[in-house]
């Protein structure tokens, strides 16, 4: 029975959609910045997801120059804080009229600004696990599961033309298991990690359409 439970693993399904409005052309020496939407104090796109996407874009033999999100936000404080961040291109056009903002973007040689909106949440759970301590030792018994769902959308803004280049949507769902026969054994579905991998890879092919797919590992 224990061997059967160890053989189980959390499973994840990922679906990716791409919408391209204009051709992308990331020139040599240009950088991109990936930013998470944070509309209020109780909602934000997870910083670890943004970091993960940036790492995928920067990896491989033809890595993209990615400006770290925290560094970018600090240099442009307070213009990209939740209450002041440009939520659309019209607002961005107004914002870059400020000399101090335009200078920072020029210093980084920004080619594209990528806004990522969404989050990962637990949608359902069931089962239970009980543990006890007795004269013969301690142990747990039971079986629990929980479902997680990731929904993210990346909007790619061409900074030079001030146009929406396209959007990439990624949805991931997965079920994790926690069987317990004496010792709990977590079998985790890596929902957010797989959503990141799917979106990051799709963004690379979007920005570097001529890249050899075998260059990524």
N, C-alpha and C. Protein backbone atom coordinates (compact mmCIF):
# COMPACT_ATOMS: atom_id res chain seq x y z
N UNK A 1 0.83 -1.21 0.00
CA UNK A 1 0.00 0.00 0.00
C UNK A 1 0.87 1.25 0.00
N UNK A 2 1.93 1.25 0.82
CA UNK A 2 2.81 2.41 0.89
C UNK A 2 3.51 2.64 -0.44
N UNK A 3 3.95 1.57 -1.09
CA UNK A 3 4.60 1.70 -2.39
C UNK A 3 3.64 2.26 -3.43
N UNK A 4 2.39 1.88 -3.38
CA UNK A 4 1.38 2.39 -4.31
C UNK A 4 1.19 3.88 -4.12
N UNK A 5 1.13 4.33 -2.87
CA UNK A 5 0.94 5.76 -2.60
C UNK A 5 2.14 6.57 -3.04
N UNK A 6 3.35 6.03 -2.85
CA UNK A 6 4.54 6.75 -3.28
C UNK A 6 4.55 6.91 -4.80
N UNK A 7 3.93 5.96 -5.51
CA UNK A 7 3.89 6.03 -6.97
C UNK A 7 2.99 7.13 -7.50
N UNK A 8 2.10 7.65 -6.67
CA UNK A 8 1.23 8.72 -7.11
C UNK A 8 2.00 10.03 -7.21
N UNK A 9 1.57 10.92 -8.05
CA UNK A 9 2.19 12.23 -8.14
C UNK A 9 1.14 13.26 -8.48
N UNK A 10 1.36 14.50 -8.03
CA UNK A 10 0.45 15.56 -8.38
C UNK A 10 0.52 15.82 -9.87
N UNK A 11 -0.63 16.06 -10.48
CA UNK A 11 -0.66 16.27 -11.93
C UNK A 11 -1.15 17.68 -12.24
N UNK A 12 -0.65 18.25 -13.33
CA UNK A 12 -0.99 19.60 -13.73
C UNK A 12 -1.28 19.65 -15.22
N UNK A 13 -2.30 20.40 -15.58
CA UNK A 13 -2.65 20.65 -16.98
C UNK A 13 -2.47 22.13 -17.27
N UNK A 14 -1.78 22.46 -18.36
CA UNK A 14 -1.50 23.85 -18.72
C UNK A 14 -2.07 24.14 -20.10
N UNK A 15 -2.77 25.27 -20.23
CA UNK A 15 -3.32 25.73 -21.51
C UNK A 15 -2.80 27.14 -21.78
N UNK A 16 -2.27 27.37 -22.99
CA UNK A 16 -1.69 28.66 -23.35
C UNK A 16 -2.39 29.20 -24.59
N UNK A 17 -2.77 30.47 -24.54
CA UNK A 17 -3.37 31.16 -25.69
C UNK A 17 -2.53 32.39 -26.01
N UNK A 18 -2.33 32.65 -27.29
CA UNK A 18 -1.56 33.82 -27.71
C UNK A 18 -2.37 34.66 -28.69
N UNK A 19 -2.35 35.97 -28.46
CA UNK A 19 -2.97 36.93 -29.37
C UNK A 19 -1.90 37.93 -29.78
N UNK A 20 -1.64 38.05 -31.07
CA UNK A 20 -0.61 38.95 -31.57
C UNK A 20 -1.27 40.03 -32.41
N UNK A 21 -1.08 41.28 -31.99
CA UNK A 21 -1.66 42.40 -32.72
C UNK A 21 -0.65 43.05 -33.66
N UNK A 22 0.61 43.11 -33.24
CA UNK A 22 1.67 43.68 -34.06
C UNK A 22 2.90 42.78 -33.97
N UNK A 23 3.76 42.88 -34.97
CA UNK A 23 4.98 42.08 -34.96
C UNK A 23 5.91 42.57 -33.87
N UNK A 24 6.67 41.66 -33.30
CA UNK A 24 7.63 42.01 -32.25
C UNK A 24 9.02 42.02 -32.84
N UNK A 25 9.86 42.92 -32.36
CA UNK A 25 11.21 43.04 -32.87
C UNK A 25 12.11 43.57 -31.76
N UNK A 26 12.59 42.68 -30.92
CA UNK A 26 13.46 43.06 -29.83
C UNK A 26 14.88 43.21 -30.37
N UNK A 27 15.33 44.45 -30.48
CA UNK A 27 16.64 44.72 -31.06
C UNK A 27 17.75 44.35 -30.09
N UNK A 28 18.93 44.12 -30.65
CA UNK A 28 20.09 43.81 -29.83
C UNK A 28 20.39 44.97 -28.89
N UNK A 29 20.60 44.66 -27.61
CA UNK A 29 20.89 45.69 -26.63
C UNK A 29 19.67 46.20 -25.89
N UNK A 30 18.48 45.89 -26.41
CA UNK A 30 17.26 46.32 -25.73
C UNK A 30 16.94 45.39 -24.57
N UNK A 31 16.24 45.93 -23.58
CA UNK A 31 15.84 45.16 -22.41
C UNK A 31 14.32 45.10 -22.31
N UNK A 32 13.86 44.16 -21.52
CA UNK A 32 12.44 44.09 -21.19
C UNK A 32 12.31 44.11 -19.68
N UNK A 33 11.15 44.51 -19.20
CA UNK A 33 10.86 44.44 -17.78
C UNK A 33 9.52 43.75 -17.62
N UNK A 34 9.46 42.80 -16.69
CA UNK A 34 8.23 42.06 -16.40
C UNK A 34 7.71 42.55 -15.07
N UNK A 35 6.46 43.05 -15.06
CA UNK A 35 5.87 43.64 -13.87
C UNK A 35 4.57 42.93 -13.52
N UNK A 36 4.33 42.75 -12.23
CA UNK A 36 3.08 42.15 -11.77
C UNK A 36 2.06 43.22 -11.41
N UNK A 37 0.82 42.99 -11.75
CA UNK A 37 -0.25 43.92 -11.40
C UNK A 37 -0.54 43.85 -9.90
N UNK A 38 -0.66 45.01 -9.30
CA UNK A 38 -0.99 45.12 -7.88
C UNK A 38 -2.01 46.23 -7.73
N UNK A 39 -3.29 45.86 -7.81
CA UNK A 39 -4.34 46.86 -7.85
C UNK A 39 -4.69 47.42 -6.48
N UNK A 40 -4.43 46.65 -5.43
CA UNK A 40 -4.82 47.09 -4.09
C UNK A 40 -3.97 46.36 -3.07
N UNK A 41 -4.19 46.66 -1.80
CA UNK A 41 -3.38 46.06 -0.75
C UNK A 41 -3.66 44.58 -0.57
N UNK A 42 -4.82 44.09 -1.04
CA UNK A 42 -5.17 42.69 -0.84
C UNK A 42 -5.12 41.88 -2.14
N UNK A 43 -4.51 42.43 -3.18
CA UNK A 43 -4.41 41.68 -4.44
C UNK A 43 -3.08 42.01 -5.11
N UNK A 44 -2.35 40.98 -5.48
CA UNK A 44 -1.15 41.18 -6.27
C UNK A 44 -0.80 39.90 -7.01
N UNK A 45 -0.19 40.10 -8.18
CA UNK A 45 0.38 38.97 -8.89
C UNK A 45 1.68 38.61 -8.18
N UNK A 46 1.84 37.36 -7.84
CA UNK A 46 2.91 36.94 -6.93
C UNK A 46 4.31 37.33 -7.46
N UNK A 47 5.12 37.99 -6.62
CA UNK A 47 6.49 38.37 -7.04
C UNK A 47 7.33 37.18 -7.47
N UNK A 48 7.12 36.01 -6.85
CA UNK A 48 7.92 34.84 -7.23
C UNK A 48 7.58 34.37 -8.64
N UNK A 49 6.33 34.58 -9.07
CA UNK A 49 5.94 34.24 -10.43
C UNK A 49 6.63 35.17 -11.42
N UNK A 50 6.68 36.47 -11.10
CA UNK A 50 7.34 37.44 -11.96
C UNK A 50 8.84 37.14 -12.07
N UNK A 51 9.46 36.80 -10.95
CA UNK A 51 10.88 36.44 -10.95
C UNK A 51 11.12 35.19 -11.80
N UNK A 52 10.23 34.23 -11.68
CA UNK A 52 10.35 32.99 -12.44
C UNK A 52 10.28 33.25 -13.95
N UNK A 53 9.33 34.06 -14.37
CA UNK A 53 9.21 34.40 -15.80
C UNK A 53 10.46 35.12 -16.28
N UNK A 54 10.96 36.07 -15.47
CA UNK A 54 12.17 36.78 -15.84
C UNK A 54 13.36 35.86 -16.00
N UNK A 55 13.47 34.86 -15.12
CA UNK A 55 14.58 33.91 -15.21
C UNK A 55 14.51 33.10 -16.51
N UNK A 56 13.31 32.72 -16.92
CA UNK A 56 13.16 31.95 -18.16
C UNK A 56 13.53 32.82 -19.37
N UNK A 57 13.08 34.08 -19.36
CA UNK A 57 13.41 34.97 -20.47
C UNK A 57 14.92 35.20 -20.56
N UNK A 58 15.57 35.29 -19.42
CA UNK A 58 17.00 35.60 -19.40
C UNK A 58 17.87 34.36 -19.66
N UNK A 59 17.29 33.17 -19.59
CA UNK A 59 18.06 31.95 -19.74
C UNK A 59 18.30 31.56 -21.19
N UNK A 60 18.93 30.43 -21.38
CA UNK A 60 19.20 29.93 -22.73
C UNK A 60 20.40 30.58 -23.38
N UNK A 61 20.72 30.12 -24.58
CA UNK A 61 21.88 30.63 -25.30
C UNK A 61 21.67 32.04 -25.82
N UNK A 62 20.43 32.43 -26.01
CA UNK A 62 20.12 33.78 -26.52
C UNK A 62 19.24 34.49 -25.50
N UNK A 63 19.73 34.56 -24.27
CA UNK A 63 18.95 35.15 -23.19
C UNK A 63 18.62 36.62 -23.44
N UNK A 64 17.44 37.01 -23.02
CA UNK A 64 16.98 38.39 -23.13
C UNK A 64 17.45 39.16 -21.91
N UNK A 65 17.83 40.42 -22.11
CA UNK A 65 18.20 41.28 -20.98
C UNK A 65 16.92 41.68 -20.24
N UNK A 66 16.81 41.24 -19.00
CA UNK A 66 15.61 41.49 -18.20
C UNK A 66 15.96 42.37 -17.01
N UNK A 67 15.26 43.49 -16.87
CA UNK A 67 15.47 44.37 -15.72
C UNK A 67 14.72 43.79 -14.53
N UNK A 68 15.37 43.53 -13.40
CA UNK A 68 14.66 42.98 -12.23
C UNK A 68 13.51 43.89 -11.80
N UNK A 69 12.38 43.29 -11.48
CA UNK A 69 11.19 44.07 -11.14
C UNK A 69 11.43 45.00 -9.97
N UNK A 70 12.03 44.49 -8.88
CA UNK A 70 12.21 45.31 -7.69
C UNK A 70 13.12 46.50 -7.97
N UNK A 71 14.17 46.27 -8.73
CA UNK A 71 15.10 47.35 -9.08
C UNK A 71 14.38 48.42 -9.90
N UNK A 72 13.58 47.98 -10.86
CA UNK A 72 12.83 48.90 -11.73
C UNK A 72 11.85 49.74 -10.91
N UNK A 73 11.11 49.09 -10.02
CA UNK A 73 10.13 49.80 -9.20
C UNK A 73 10.81 50.80 -8.26
N UNK A 74 11.95 50.42 -7.71
CA UNK A 74 12.65 51.32 -6.80
C UNK A 74 13.14 52.57 -7.52
N UNK A 75 13.67 52.39 -8.72
CA UNK A 75 14.19 53.54 -9.45
C UNK A 75 13.08 54.47 -9.94
N UNK A 76 11.91 53.91 -10.15
CA UNK A 76 10.80 54.72 -10.67
C UNK A 76 9.76 55.04 -9.60
N UNK A 77 10.13 54.88 -8.34
CA UNK A 77 9.20 55.21 -7.25
C UNK A 77 8.87 56.70 -7.30
N UNK A 78 7.59 57.09 -7.17
CA UNK A 78 6.40 56.26 -6.90
C UNK A 78 5.55 56.00 -8.14
N UNK A 79 6.12 56.14 -9.34
CA UNK A 79 5.29 56.16 -10.55
C UNK A 79 4.75 54.80 -10.94
N UNK A 80 5.30 53.71 -10.42
CA UNK A 80 4.77 52.39 -10.75
C UNK A 80 4.21 51.68 -9.51
N UNK A 81 3.88 52.45 -8.48
CA UNK A 81 3.19 51.90 -7.32
C UNK A 81 1.73 51.62 -7.69
N UNK A 82 1.02 50.78 -6.89
CA UNK A 82 -0.35 50.38 -7.26
C UNK A 82 -1.28 51.53 -7.63
N UNK A 83 -1.21 52.65 -6.91
CA UNK A 83 -2.15 53.74 -7.17
C UNK A 83 -1.75 54.62 -8.34
N UNK A 84 -0.49 54.55 -8.75
CA UNK A 84 -0.02 55.46 -9.80
C UNK A 84 0.46 54.74 -11.06
N UNK A 85 0.57 53.42 -11.03
CA UNK A 85 1.09 52.67 -12.17
C UNK A 85 0.20 52.85 -13.39
N UNK A 86 0.80 52.94 -14.57
CA UNK A 86 -0.01 53.08 -15.81
C UNK A 86 -0.76 51.78 -16.12
N UNK A 87 -2.07 51.83 -16.05
CA UNK A 87 -2.88 50.65 -16.30
C UNK A 87 -3.20 50.45 -17.78
N UNK A 88 -2.88 51.47 -18.59
CA UNK A 88 -3.11 51.39 -20.02
C UNK A 88 -2.08 52.24 -20.75
N UNK A 89 -2.04 52.12 -22.06
CA UNK A 89 -1.02 52.82 -22.85
C UNK A 89 -1.22 54.33 -22.84
N UNK A 90 -2.46 54.77 -22.74
CA UNK A 90 -2.71 56.21 -22.67
C UNK A 90 -2.07 56.79 -21.42
N UNK A 91 -2.19 56.08 -20.32
CA UNK A 91 -1.59 56.53 -19.08
C UNK A 91 -0.06 56.48 -19.17
N UNK A 92 0.49 55.47 -19.85
CA UNK A 92 1.93 55.38 -20.03
C UNK A 92 2.45 56.57 -20.83
N UNK A 93 1.75 56.92 -21.91
CA UNK A 93 2.15 58.06 -22.72
C UNK A 93 2.20 59.33 -21.90
N UNK A 94 1.24 59.49 -21.01
CA UNK A 94 1.21 60.67 -20.15
C UNK A 94 2.36 60.63 -19.15
N UNK A 95 2.65 59.44 -18.63
CA UNK A 95 3.67 59.30 -17.59
C UNK A 95 5.07 59.60 -18.13
N UNK A 96 5.36 59.13 -19.35
CA UNK A 96 6.72 59.31 -19.88
C UNK A 96 6.97 60.74 -20.34
N UNK A 97 5.97 61.60 -20.24
CA UNK A 97 6.22 63.02 -20.47
C UNK A 97 7.05 63.61 -19.33
N UNK A 98 7.07 62.92 -18.21
CA UNK A 98 7.91 63.35 -17.09
C UNK A 98 9.36 62.98 -17.40
N UNK A 99 10.22 63.96 -17.36
CA UNK A 99 11.60 63.75 -17.76
C UNK A 99 12.30 62.69 -16.94
N UNK A 100 12.03 62.66 -15.62
CA UNK A 100 12.71 61.69 -14.76
C UNK A 100 12.30 60.26 -15.08
N UNK A 101 11.04 60.06 -15.50
CA UNK A 101 10.58 58.73 -15.88
C UNK A 101 11.19 58.31 -17.21
N UNK A 102 11.14 59.20 -18.18
CA UNK A 102 11.69 58.91 -19.50
C UNK A 102 13.18 58.60 -19.43
N UNK A 103 13.89 59.27 -18.55
CA UNK A 103 15.33 59.05 -18.43
C UNK A 103 15.65 57.64 -17.93
N UNK A 104 14.91 57.20 -16.91
CA UNK A 104 15.15 55.85 -16.38
C UNK A 104 14.88 54.79 -17.45
N UNK A 105 13.78 54.94 -18.16
CA UNK A 105 13.45 53.99 -19.22
C UNK A 105 14.51 54.00 -20.32
N UNK A 106 15.03 55.18 -20.60
CA UNK A 106 16.09 55.30 -21.60
C UNK A 106 17.38 54.67 -21.08
N UNK A 107 17.69 54.87 -19.80
CA UNK A 107 18.90 54.27 -19.22
C UNK A 107 18.87 52.76 -19.33
N UNK A 108 17.72 52.17 -19.13
CA UNK A 108 17.58 50.71 -19.24
C UNK A 108 17.44 50.24 -20.68
N UNK A 109 17.26 51.18 -21.61
CA UNK A 109 17.02 50.84 -23.03
C UNK A 109 15.86 49.85 -23.15
N UNK A 110 14.74 50.23 -22.56
CA UNK A 110 13.56 49.36 -22.54
C UNK A 110 12.96 49.21 -23.94
N UNK A 111 12.80 47.96 -24.36
CA UNK A 111 12.13 47.69 -25.62
C UNK A 111 10.67 47.33 -25.42
N UNK A 112 10.41 46.52 -24.36
CA UNK A 112 9.05 46.08 -24.08
C UNK A 112 8.78 46.11 -22.58
N UNK A 113 7.59 46.52 -22.23
CA UNK A 113 7.09 46.42 -20.86
C UNK A 113 6.03 45.32 -20.86
N UNK A 114 6.22 44.32 -20.01
CA UNK A 114 5.29 43.18 -19.96
C UNK A 114 4.57 43.22 -18.62
N UNK A 115 3.27 43.43 -18.68
CA UNK A 115 2.44 43.42 -17.47
C UNK A 115 1.80 42.05 -17.32
N UNK A 116 1.94 41.44 -16.16
CA UNK A 116 1.34 40.14 -15.88
C UNK A 116 0.28 40.30 -14.80
N UNK A 117 -0.91 39.85 -15.10
CA UNK A 117 -2.04 39.97 -14.17
C UNK A 117 -2.59 38.57 -13.87
N UNK A 118 -2.88 38.30 -12.62
CA UNK A 118 -3.47 37.02 -12.26
C UNK A 118 -2.89 36.49 -10.96
N UNK A 119 -3.29 35.29 -10.57
CA UNK A 119 -2.76 34.67 -9.36
C UNK A 119 -3.07 33.18 -9.36
N UNK A 120 -2.56 32.52 -8.34
CA UNK A 120 -2.81 31.10 -8.12
C UNK A 120 -3.58 30.95 -6.82
N UNK A 121 -4.63 30.15 -6.83
CA UNK A 121 -5.42 29.98 -5.62
C UNK A 121 -5.89 28.54 -5.49
N UNK A 122 -6.16 28.16 -4.24
CA UNK A 122 -6.73 26.84 -3.96
C UNK A 122 -8.24 26.90 -4.18
N UNK A 123 -8.75 26.02 -5.02
CA UNK A 123 -10.16 26.06 -5.38
C UNK A 123 -11.01 25.02 -4.66
N UNK A 124 -10.39 23.95 -4.17
CA UNK A 124 -11.17 22.91 -3.51
C UNK A 124 -10.23 22.04 -2.69
N UNK A 125 -10.75 21.43 -1.65
CA UNK A 125 -9.98 20.48 -0.85
C UNK A 125 -10.92 19.47 -0.24
N UNK A 126 -10.42 18.29 0.03
CA UNK A 126 -11.23 17.24 0.63
C UNK A 126 -10.34 16.26 1.37
N UNK A 127 -10.97 15.42 2.19
CA UNK A 127 -10.24 14.43 2.95
C UNK A 127 -9.74 14.98 4.27
N UNK A 128 -9.11 14.11 5.05
CA UNK A 128 -8.58 14.53 6.35
C UNK A 128 -7.47 13.57 6.77
N UNK A 129 -6.62 14.07 7.64
CA UNK A 129 -5.52 13.29 8.17
C UNK A 129 -5.50 13.45 9.69
N UNK A 130 -5.42 12.34 10.39
CA UNK A 130 -5.36 12.38 11.85
C UNK A 130 -4.04 11.81 12.35
N UNK A 131 -3.49 12.43 13.37
CA UNK A 131 -2.23 11.97 13.95
C UNK A 131 -2.42 11.73 15.45
N UNK A 132 -1.70 10.79 15.97
CA UNK A 132 -1.81 10.50 17.40
C UNK A 132 -0.46 10.04 17.94
N UNK A 133 -0.32 10.17 19.25
CA UNK A 133 0.90 9.73 19.94
C UNK A 133 0.49 8.74 21.03
N UNK A 134 1.09 7.57 20.99
CA UNK A 134 0.78 6.55 21.99
C UNK A 134 2.05 5.93 22.54
N UNK A 135 1.86 4.90 23.37
CA UNK A 135 3.02 4.23 23.98
C UNK A 135 3.89 3.57 22.93
N UNK A 136 3.28 3.20 21.80
CA UNK A 136 4.04 2.54 20.74
C UNK A 136 4.70 3.52 19.79
N UNK A 137 4.50 4.82 19.99
CA UNK A 137 5.08 5.82 19.10
C UNK A 137 4.02 6.73 18.52
N UNK A 138 4.38 7.49 17.52
CA UNK A 138 3.48 8.44 16.88
C UNK A 138 3.23 8.00 15.44
N UNK A 139 2.06 8.38 14.95
CA UNK A 139 1.74 8.03 13.57
C UNK A 139 0.55 8.82 13.07
N UNK A 140 0.40 8.87 11.74
CA UNK A 140 -0.71 9.57 11.09
C UNK A 140 -1.38 8.63 10.11
N UNK A 141 -2.66 8.87 9.89
CA UNK A 141 -3.40 8.06 8.93
C UNK A 141 -4.49 8.92 8.30
N UNK A 142 -4.65 8.78 6.99
CA UNK A 142 -5.70 9.51 6.29
C UNK A 142 -5.27 9.82 4.86
N UNK A 143 -6.10 10.60 4.20
CA UNK A 143 -5.82 10.95 2.81
C UNK A 143 -6.49 12.29 2.50
N UNK A 144 -5.72 13.26 2.02
CA UNK A 144 -6.26 14.57 1.69
C UNK A 144 -5.86 14.98 0.28
N UNK A 145 -6.70 15.75 -0.36
CA UNK A 145 -6.39 16.30 -1.68
C UNK A 145 -6.78 17.77 -1.71
N UNK A 146 -6.13 18.53 -2.57
CA UNK A 146 -6.54 19.90 -2.80
C UNK A 146 -6.21 20.29 -4.24
N UNK A 147 -7.11 21.10 -4.80
CA UNK A 147 -6.96 21.55 -6.17
C UNK A 147 -6.49 23.00 -6.19
N UNK A 148 -5.59 23.29 -7.12
CA UNK A 148 -5.12 24.66 -7.32
C UNK A 148 -5.33 25.08 -8.77
N UNK A 149 -5.53 26.37 -8.95
CA UNK A 149 -5.75 26.90 -10.30
C UNK A 149 -4.95 28.18 -10.48
N UNK A 150 -4.23 28.27 -11.58
CA UNK A 150 -3.48 29.47 -11.94
C UNK A 150 -4.09 30.09 -13.18
N UNK A 151 -4.31 31.38 -13.15
CA UNK A 151 -4.79 32.13 -14.31
C UNK A 151 -3.96 33.39 -14.43
N UNK A 152 -3.21 33.51 -15.53
CA UNK A 152 -2.37 34.69 -15.74
C UNK A 152 -2.51 35.18 -17.18
N UNK A 153 -2.42 36.50 -17.33
CA UNK A 153 -2.42 37.10 -18.66
C UNK A 153 -1.30 38.13 -18.74
N UNK A 154 -0.47 38.01 -19.76
CA UNK A 154 0.62 38.95 -19.98
C UNK A 154 0.28 39.87 -21.14
N UNK A 155 0.35 41.17 -20.91
CA UNK A 155 0.16 42.17 -21.96
C UNK A 155 1.52 42.73 -22.32
N UNK A 156 1.88 42.64 -23.60
CA UNK A 156 3.20 43.07 -24.06
C UNK A 156 3.08 44.43 -24.73
N UNK A 157 3.68 45.45 -24.10
CA UNK A 157 3.67 46.80 -24.64
C UNK A 157 4.99 47.10 -25.33
N UNK A 158 4.90 47.57 -26.57
CA UNK A 158 6.08 48.05 -27.28
C UNK A 158 6.33 49.48 -26.82
N UNK A 159 7.46 49.68 -26.12
CA UNK A 159 7.70 51.00 -25.54
C UNK A 159 7.97 52.06 -26.61
N UNK A 160 8.69 51.69 -27.67
CA UNK A 160 9.04 52.68 -28.70
C UNK A 160 7.81 53.18 -29.44
N UNK A 161 6.93 52.26 -29.85
CA UNK A 161 5.75 52.67 -30.62
C UNK A 161 4.55 52.98 -29.74
N UNK A 162 4.66 52.65 -28.41
CA UNK A 162 3.55 52.85 -27.48
C UNK A 162 2.29 52.12 -27.97
N UNK A 163 2.48 50.87 -28.38
CA UNK A 163 1.37 50.06 -28.86
C UNK A 163 1.35 48.72 -28.14
N UNK A 164 0.14 48.14 -28.09
CA UNK A 164 0.00 46.78 -27.58
C UNK A 164 0.45 45.82 -28.67
N UNK A 165 1.49 45.04 -28.37
CA UNK A 165 2.00 44.09 -29.36
C UNK A 165 1.20 42.79 -29.34
N UNK A 166 0.77 42.38 -28.16
CA UNK A 166 0.00 41.14 -28.06
C UNK A 166 -0.25 40.76 -26.62
N UNK A 167 -0.95 39.65 -26.45
CA UNK A 167 -1.25 39.13 -25.12
C UNK A 167 -1.05 37.62 -25.11
N UNK A 168 -0.62 37.12 -23.97
CA UNK A 168 -0.47 35.68 -23.78
C UNK A 168 -1.19 35.30 -22.49
N UNK A 169 -2.09 34.35 -22.58
CA UNK A 169 -2.85 33.87 -21.43
C UNK A 169 -2.41 32.45 -21.10
N UNK A 170 -2.23 32.20 -19.82
CA UNK A 170 -1.84 30.86 -19.35
C UNK A 170 -2.76 30.42 -18.23
N UNK A 171 -3.33 29.25 -18.37
CA UNK A 171 -4.15 28.65 -17.33
C UNK A 171 -3.60 27.30 -16.94
N UNK A 172 -3.49 27.05 -15.66
CA UNK A 172 -2.97 25.77 -15.18
C UNK A 172 -3.83 25.29 -14.02
N UNK A 173 -4.15 24.01 -14.02
CA UNK A 173 -4.90 23.40 -12.93
C UNK A 173 -4.19 22.13 -12.49
N UNK A 174 -4.29 21.82 -11.23
CA UNK A 174 -3.64 20.61 -10.74
C UNK A 174 -4.19 20.17 -9.41
N UNK A 175 -4.02 18.90 -9.12
CA UNK A 175 -4.47 18.31 -7.86
C UNK A 175 -3.28 17.74 -7.12
N UNK A 176 -3.16 18.13 -5.86
CA UNK A 176 -2.09 17.60 -4.99
C UNK A 176 -2.70 16.59 -4.03
N UNK A 177 -1.87 15.65 -3.58
CA UNK A 177 -2.33 14.58 -2.70
C UNK A 177 -1.47 14.55 -1.43
N UNK A 178 -2.10 14.15 -0.34
CA UNK A 178 -1.37 13.99 0.92
C UNK A 178 -1.81 12.67 1.57
N UNK A 179 -1.26 11.54 1.12
CA UNK A 179 -1.56 10.28 1.80
C UNK A 179 -0.74 10.18 3.07
N UNK A 180 -1.31 9.58 4.08
CA UNK A 180 -0.59 9.43 5.35
C UNK A 180 -0.79 8.01 5.87
N UNK A 181 0.26 7.23 5.83
CA UNK A 181 0.28 5.91 6.45
C UNK A 181 1.50 5.90 7.37
N UNK A 182 1.28 6.27 8.59
CA UNK A 182 2.30 6.51 9.61
C UNK A 182 2.94 7.89 9.40
N UNK A 183 3.47 8.12 8.18
CA UNK A 183 4.12 9.41 7.87
C UNK A 183 3.40 10.06 6.69
N UNK A 184 3.00 11.35 6.79
CA UNK A 184 2.38 12.04 5.65
C UNK A 184 3.36 12.16 4.49
N UNK A 185 2.87 11.92 3.27
CA UNK A 185 3.71 12.00 2.08
C UNK A 185 3.09 13.02 1.12
N UNK A 186 3.58 14.26 1.08
CA UNK A 186 3.01 15.26 0.18
C UNK A 186 3.40 15.00 -1.27
N UNK A 187 2.43 14.94 -2.15
CA UNK A 187 2.65 14.77 -3.58
C UNK A 187 2.07 16.02 -4.26
N UNK A 188 2.92 16.99 -4.50
CA UNK A 188 2.49 18.33 -4.86
C UNK A 188 2.41 18.52 -6.37
N UNK A 189 1.31 19.08 -6.83
CA UNK A 189 1.18 19.50 -8.22
C UNK A 189 1.76 20.91 -8.33
N UNK A 190 2.78 21.07 -9.15
CA UNK A 190 3.49 22.35 -9.25
C UNK A 190 2.75 23.27 -10.23
N UNK A 191 1.58 23.73 -9.79
CA UNK A 191 0.68 24.48 -10.67
C UNK A 191 1.30 25.82 -11.08
N UNK A 192 1.71 26.62 -10.11
CA UNK A 192 2.27 27.93 -10.44
C UNK A 192 3.57 27.79 -11.23
N UNK A 193 4.41 26.83 -10.85
CA UNK A 193 5.68 26.64 -11.55
C UNK A 193 5.45 26.26 -13.01
N UNK A 194 4.46 25.41 -13.27
CA UNK A 194 4.18 25.01 -14.64
C UNK A 194 3.53 26.14 -15.44
N UNK A 195 2.72 26.97 -14.76
CA UNK A 195 2.16 28.15 -15.43
C UNK A 195 3.27 29.10 -15.82
N UNK A 196 4.24 29.29 -14.92
CA UNK A 196 5.39 30.14 -15.21
C UNK A 196 6.18 29.61 -16.40
N UNK A 197 6.46 28.32 -16.40
CA UNK A 197 7.25 27.72 -17.47
C UNK A 197 6.55 27.90 -18.81
N UNK A 198 5.22 27.68 -18.82
CA UNK A 198 4.47 27.83 -20.06
C UNK A 198 4.47 29.26 -20.56
N UNK A 199 4.21 30.22 -19.65
CA UNK A 199 4.17 31.61 -20.07
C UNK A 199 5.56 32.12 -20.45
N UNK A 200 6.57 31.77 -19.66
CA UNK A 200 7.92 32.23 -19.96
C UNK A 200 8.39 31.75 -21.32
N UNK A 201 8.16 30.47 -21.63
CA UNK A 201 8.58 29.92 -22.91
C UNK A 201 7.83 30.56 -24.06
N UNK A 202 6.53 30.82 -23.87
CA UNK A 202 5.74 31.45 -24.92
C UNK A 202 6.18 32.89 -25.15
N UNK A 203 6.52 33.60 -24.07
CA UNK A 203 7.02 34.96 -24.21
C UNK A 203 8.35 34.99 -24.96
N UNK A 204 9.20 34.03 -24.71
CA UNK A 204 10.48 33.96 -25.43
C UNK A 204 10.24 33.82 -26.93
N UNK A 205 9.35 32.89 -27.31
CA UNK A 205 9.09 32.69 -28.73
C UNK A 205 8.38 33.89 -29.34
N UNK A 206 7.64 34.63 -28.50
CA UNK A 206 6.96 35.84 -28.97
C UNK A 206 7.98 36.94 -29.27
N UNK A 207 8.93 37.13 -28.36
CA UNK A 207 9.92 38.20 -28.50
C UNK A 207 11.10 37.81 -29.39
N UNK A 208 11.40 36.50 -29.45
CA UNK A 208 12.51 36.00 -30.26
C UNK A 208 11.98 34.95 -31.22
N UNK A 209 11.19 35.36 -32.23
CA UNK A 209 10.54 34.38 -33.11
C UNK A 209 11.51 33.53 -33.90
N UNK A 210 12.76 33.98 -34.06
CA UNK A 210 13.73 33.21 -34.84
C UNK A 210 14.58 32.29 -33.98
N UNK A 211 14.31 32.26 -32.67
CA UNK A 211 15.13 31.45 -31.77
C UNK A 211 14.97 29.97 -32.06
N UNK A 212 16.08 29.27 -32.03
CA UNK A 212 16.08 27.82 -32.17
C UNK A 212 15.50 27.22 -30.90
N UNK A 213 14.37 26.48 -30.98
CA UNK A 213 13.77 25.93 -29.78
C UNK A 213 14.68 24.99 -29.01
N UNK A 214 15.72 24.42 -29.66
CA UNK A 214 16.62 23.51 -28.96
C UNK A 214 17.61 24.27 -28.10
N UNK A 215 17.60 25.63 -28.20
CA UNK A 215 18.53 26.42 -27.40
C UNK A 215 18.12 26.49 -25.94
N UNK A 216 16.83 26.21 -25.65
CA UNK A 216 16.36 26.25 -24.28
C UNK A 216 16.48 24.88 -23.65
N UNK A 217 16.77 24.88 -22.36
CA UNK A 217 16.85 23.62 -21.61
C UNK A 217 16.05 23.78 -20.34
